[in-house]
C-alpha atoms as a PDB file:
ATOM      1  CA  MET A   1     100.887  96.188  96.517  1.00  0.00           C
ATOM      2  CA  ARG A   2      99.944  94.135  99.566  1.00  0.00           C
ATOM      3  CA  TYR A   3     101.634  90.771  99.501  1.00  0.00           C
ATOM      4  CA  ASP A   4      99.926  89.204 102.498  1.00  0.00           C
ATOM      5  CA  ARG A   5      96.552  88.061 103.692  1.00  0.00           C
ATOM      6  CA  THR A   6      96.325  88.315 107.464  1.00  0.00           C
ATOM      7  CA  VAL A   7      93.906  87.401 110.241  1.00  0.00           C
ATOM      8  CA  ARG A   8      94.413  87.967 113.951  1.00  0.00           C
ATOM      9  CA  LEU A   9      93.183  85.474 116.510  1.00  0.00           C
ATOM     10  CA  ASP A  10      92.724  85.512 120.262  1.00  0.00           C
ATOM     11  CA  SER A  11      93.925  81.888 120.402  1.00  0.00           C
ATOM     12  CA  ASP A  12      97.181  81.036 122.100  1.00  0.00           C
ATOM     13  CA  PHE A  13     100.090  80.368 119.745  1.00  0.00           C
ATOM     14  CA  ALA A  14     100.132  76.553 119.895  1.00  0.00           C
ATOM     15  CA  THR A  15      96.380  76.362 119.336  1.00  0.00           C
ATOM     16  CA  ALA A  16      96.630  78.787 116.408  1.00  0.00           C
ATOM     17  CA  VAL A  17      99.370  76.691 114.778  1.00  0.00           C
ATOM     18  CA  ASP A  18      97.302  73.497 115.113  1.00  0.00           C
ATOM     19  CA  ARG A  19      94.153  75.181 113.836  1.00  0.00           C
ATOM     20  CA  THR A  20      96.086  76.693 110.916  1.00  0.00           C
ATOM     21  CA  ARG A  21      97.403  73.263 109.908  1.00  0.00           C
ATOM     22  CA  ASN A  22      93.855  71.876 109.989  1.00  0.00           C
ATOM     23  CA  ALA A  23      92.393  74.811 108.060  1.00  0.00           C
ATOM     24  CA  LEU A  24      95.037  74.463 105.357  1.00  0.00           C
ATOM     25  CA  ALA A  25      94.483  70.699 105.145  1.00  0.00           C
ATOM     26  CA  ALA A  26      90.749  71.265 104.670  1.00  0.00           C
ATOM     27  CA  GLN A  27      91.644  73.334 101.588  1.00  0.00           C
ATOM     28  CA  GLY A  28      93.956  70.688 100.121  1.00  0.00           C
ATOM     29  CA  PHE A  29      97.266  72.046 101.423  1.00  0.00           C
ATOM     30  CA  GLY A  30      99.871  69.845 103.045  1.00  0.00           C
ATOM     31  CA  ILE A  31     102.752  71.216 105.100  1.00  0.00           C
ATOM     32  CA  LEU A  32     106.049  70.455 103.358  1.00  0.00           C
ATOM     33  CA  THR A  33     108.272  72.474 105.666  1.00  0.00           C
ATOM     34  CA  GLU A  34     108.113  74.054 109.074  1.00  0.00           C
ATOM     35  CA  ILE A  35     110.621  76.578 110.321  1.00  0.00           C
ATOM     36  CA  ASP A  36     110.547  77.509 113.993  1.00  0.00           C
ATOM     37  CA  VAL A  37     112.105  80.940 113.593  1.00  0.00           C
ATOM     38  CA  THR A  38     112.068  81.589 117.339  1.00  0.00           C
ATOM     39  CA  ALA A  39     114.063  78.444 118.144  1.00  0.00           C
ATOM     40  CA  THR A  40     116.425  78.927 115.203  1.00  0.00           C
ATOM     41  CA  LEU A  41     117.343  82.489 116.128  1.00  0.00           C
ATOM     42  CA  LYS A  42     117.791  81.484 119.758  1.00  0.00           C
ATOM     43  CA  ALA A  43     120.057  78.557 118.847  1.00  0.00           C
ATOM     44  CA  LYS A  44     122.115  80.349 116.207  1.00  0.00           C
ATOM     45  CA  LEU A  45     122.231  83.934 117.500  1.00  0.00           C
ATOM     46  CA  ASP A  46     121.107  83.678 121.130  1.00  0.00           C
ATOM     47  CA  HIS A  47     118.332  86.097 120.140  1.00  0.00           C
ATOM     48  CA  ASP A  48     114.964  86.029 121.903  1.00  0.00           C
ATOM     49  CA  MET A  49     111.863  86.874 119.907  1.00  0.00           C
ATOM     50  CA  GLU A  50     108.138  86.200 120.000  1.00  0.00           C
ATOM     51  CA  ASP A  51     106.705  82.854 118.890  1.00  0.00           C
ATOM     52  CA  TYR A  52     107.088  82.711 115.102  1.00  0.00           C
ATOM     53  CA  VAL A  53     106.750  79.746 112.749  1.00  0.00           C
ATOM     54  CA  ILE A  54     106.750  79.538 108.960  1.00  0.00           C
ATOM     55  CA  LEU A  55     104.670  76.746 107.418  1.00  0.00           C
ATOM     56  CA  GLY A  56     105.508  75.834 103.825  1.00  0.00           C
ATOM     57  CA  ALA A  57     102.067  74.872 102.526  1.00  0.00           C
ATOM     58  CA  CYS A  58     101.599  73.093  99.210  1.00  0.00           C
ATOM     59  CA  ASN A  59      98.524  72.122  97.221  1.00  0.00           C
ATOM     60  CA  PRO A  60      99.989  69.535  94.805  1.00  0.00           C
ATOM     61  CA  PRO A  61      97.485  70.020  91.938  1.00  0.00           C
ATOM     62  CA  LEU A  62      98.011  73.796  92.030  1.00  0.00           C
ATOM     63  CA  ALA A  63     101.781  73.438  92.277  1.00  0.00           C
ATOM     64  CA  HIS A  64     101.723  71.062  89.300  1.00  0.00           C
ATOM     65  CA  ARG A  65      99.694  73.516  87.200  1.00  0.00           C
ATOM     66  CA  ALA A  66     102.040  76.372  88.089  1.00  0.00           C
ATOM     67  CA  LEU A  67     105.139  74.314  87.298  1.00  0.00           C
ATOM     68  CA  GLU A  68     103.686  73.209  83.974  1.00  0.00           C
ATOM     69  CA  THR A  69     103.280  76.886  83.105  1.00  0.00           C
ATOM     70  CA  ASP A  70     106.737  77.969  84.265  1.00  0.00           C
ATOM     71  CA  ARG A  71     109.390  75.649  85.692  1.00  0.00           C
ATOM     72  CA  SER A  72     111.090  78.582  87.465  1.00  0.00           C
ATOM     73  CA  ILE A  73     107.936  79.263  89.503  1.00  0.00           C
ATOM     74  CA  GLY A  74     109.282  76.753  92.016  1.00  0.00           C
ATOM     75  CA  LEU A  75     111.273  79.702  93.364  1.00  0.00           C
ATOM     76  CA  LEU A  76     107.978  81.079  94.676  1.00  0.00           C
ATOM     77  CA  LEU A  77     106.572  77.774  95.959  1.00  0.00           C
ATOM     78  CA  PRO A  78     105.326  76.573  98.413  1.00  0.00           C
ATOM     79  CA  CYS A  79     102.806  79.069  99.753  1.00  0.00           C
ATOM     80  CA  ASN A  80     104.347  80.353 102.963  1.00  0.00           C
ATOM     81  CA  VAL A  81     102.048  80.808 105.925  1.00  0.00           C
ATOM     82  CA  VAL A  82     103.352  82.547 109.035  1.00  0.00           C
ATOM     83  CA  VAL A  83     101.891  82.077 112.513  1.00  0.00           C
ATOM     84  CA  ARG A  84     103.302  84.563 115.017  1.00  0.00           C
ATOM     85  CA  ARG A  85     102.556  86.258 118.292  1.00  0.00           C
ATOM     86  CA  ASP A  86     101.408  89.821 117.724  1.00  0.00           C
ATOM     87  CA  GLY A  87     101.101  91.461 121.118  1.00  0.00           C
ATOM     88  CA  ASP A  88      98.398  89.610 123.017  1.00  0.00           C
ATOM     89  CA  ARG A  89      97.009  88.020 119.835  1.00  0.00           C
ATOM     90  CA  THR A  90      98.254  85.562 117.227  1.00  0.00           C
ATOM     91  CA  ALA A  91      98.607  86.648 113.607  1.00  0.00           C
ATOM     92  CA  VAL A  92      98.208  84.141 110.786  1.00  0.00           C
ATOM     93  CA  GLN A  93      99.553  85.447 107.499  1.00  0.00           C
ATOM     94  CA  ALA A  94      99.603  83.885 104.042  1.00  0.00           C
ATOM     95  CA  LEU A  95     101.594  85.130 101.100  1.00  0.00           C
ATOM     96  CA  ASP A  96      99.143  86.443  98.506  1.00  0.00           C
ATOM     97  CA  PRO A  97      99.435  84.016  95.560  1.00  0.00           C
ATOM     98  CA  GLY A  98      98.760  86.928  93.214  1.00  0.00           C
ATOM     99  CA  THR A  99     102.324  87.952  93.982  1.00  0.00           C
ATOM    100  CA  MET A 100     103.605  85.256  91.640  1.00  0.00           C
ATOM    101  CA  VAL A 101     101.681  86.824  88.744  1.00  0.00           C
ATOM    102  CA  ALA A 102     102.773  90.336  89.689  1.00  0.00           C
ATOM    103  CA  LEU A 103     106.441  89.316  89.958  1.00  0.00           C
ATOM    104  CA  THR A 104     106.626  87.119  86.864  1.00  0.00           C
ATOM    105  CA  GLU A 105     104.105  88.964  84.665  1.00  0.00           C
ATOM    106  CA  ILE A 106     103.042  85.546  83.331  1.00  0.00           C
ATOM    107  CA  GLU A 107      99.298  85.851  82.757  1.00  0.00           C
ATOM    108  CA  ALA A 108      98.927  82.082  82.331  1.00  0.00           C
ATOM    109  CA  LEU A 109      99.632  81.778  86.073  1.00  0.00           C
ATOM    110  CA  ARG A 110      96.638  83.970  86.968  1.00  0.00           C
ATOM    111  CA  PRO A 111      94.052  81.117  87.172  1.00  0.00           C
ATOM    112  CA  VAL A 112      96.360  79.126  89.460  1.00  0.00           C
ATOM    113  CA  ALA A 113      96.961  82.181  91.655  1.00  0.00           C
ATOM    114  CA  GLU A 114      93.248  82.930  91.806  1.00  0.00           C
ATOM    115  CA  GLU A 115      92.380  79.391  92.903  1.00  0.00           C
ATOM    116  CA  ALA A 116      95.187  79.363  95.473  1.00  0.00           C
ATOM    117  CA  THR A 117      93.934  82.718  96.757  1.00  0.00           C
ATOM    118  CA  ARG A 118      90.380  81.393  97.128  1.00  0.00           C
ATOM    119  CA  ARG A 119      91.629  78.361  99.052  1.00  0.00           C
ATOM    120  CA  LEU A 120      93.940  80.355 101.338  1.00  0.00           C
ATOM    121  CA  GLU A 121      91.222  82.933 102.004  1.00  0.00           C
ATOM    122  CA  ALA A 122      88.815  80.111 102.879  1.00  0.00           C
ATOM    123  CA  ALA A 123      91.369  78.639 105.289  1.00  0.00           C
ATOM    124  CA  LEU A 124      91.943  82.023 106.962  1.00  0.00           C
ATOM    125  CA  ALA A 125      88.203  82.736 107.131  1.00  0.00           C
ATOM    126  CA  SER A 126      87.597  79.365 108.778  1.00  0.00           C
ATOM    127  CA  LEU A 127      90.097  80.255 111.506  1.00  0.00           C
ATOM    128  CA  VAL A 128      88.170  83.413 112.304  1.00  0.00           C
ATOM    129  CA  ALA A 129      84.791  81.605 112.141  1.00  0.00           C
ATOM    130  CA  ASP A 130      86.026  78.795 114.415  1.00  0.00           C
ATOM    131  CA  GLU A 131      87.235  81.316 116.958  1.00  0.00           C
ATOM    132  CA  LYS A 132      83.861  83.075 117.019  1.00  0.00           C
ATOM    133  CA  GLU A 133      82.172  79.724 117.715  1.00  0.00           C
ATOM    134  CA  SER A 134      84.520  78.942 120.611  1.00  0.00           C
END
């Protein structure tokens, strides 16, 4: 089972992060958390790695619906979106919301996962479309 949805962009890293934030916002997602993995590993382990950030994206109405179905689903929220350098390109990856249905086997979560998937796919598609227009 694939657990990610990925697009690759020619944009530089900082531009890709900004565009990803905007694309997610256009689909009703706010960023609750941001983890700069590159800076964290450098500070804690003196390890150098490519640019890598994890955005904890949340769509409150979808999160509410999921939590009303199963309070433990908070373990799988928010929707993590990774922006990272991938060679000379930038990868933007979103966790496939269908994973929460596959892991929990709670069919009542399927409509929430499907809507979250549609919104995340729209955000990723807009990144690719915007790049083609540039």
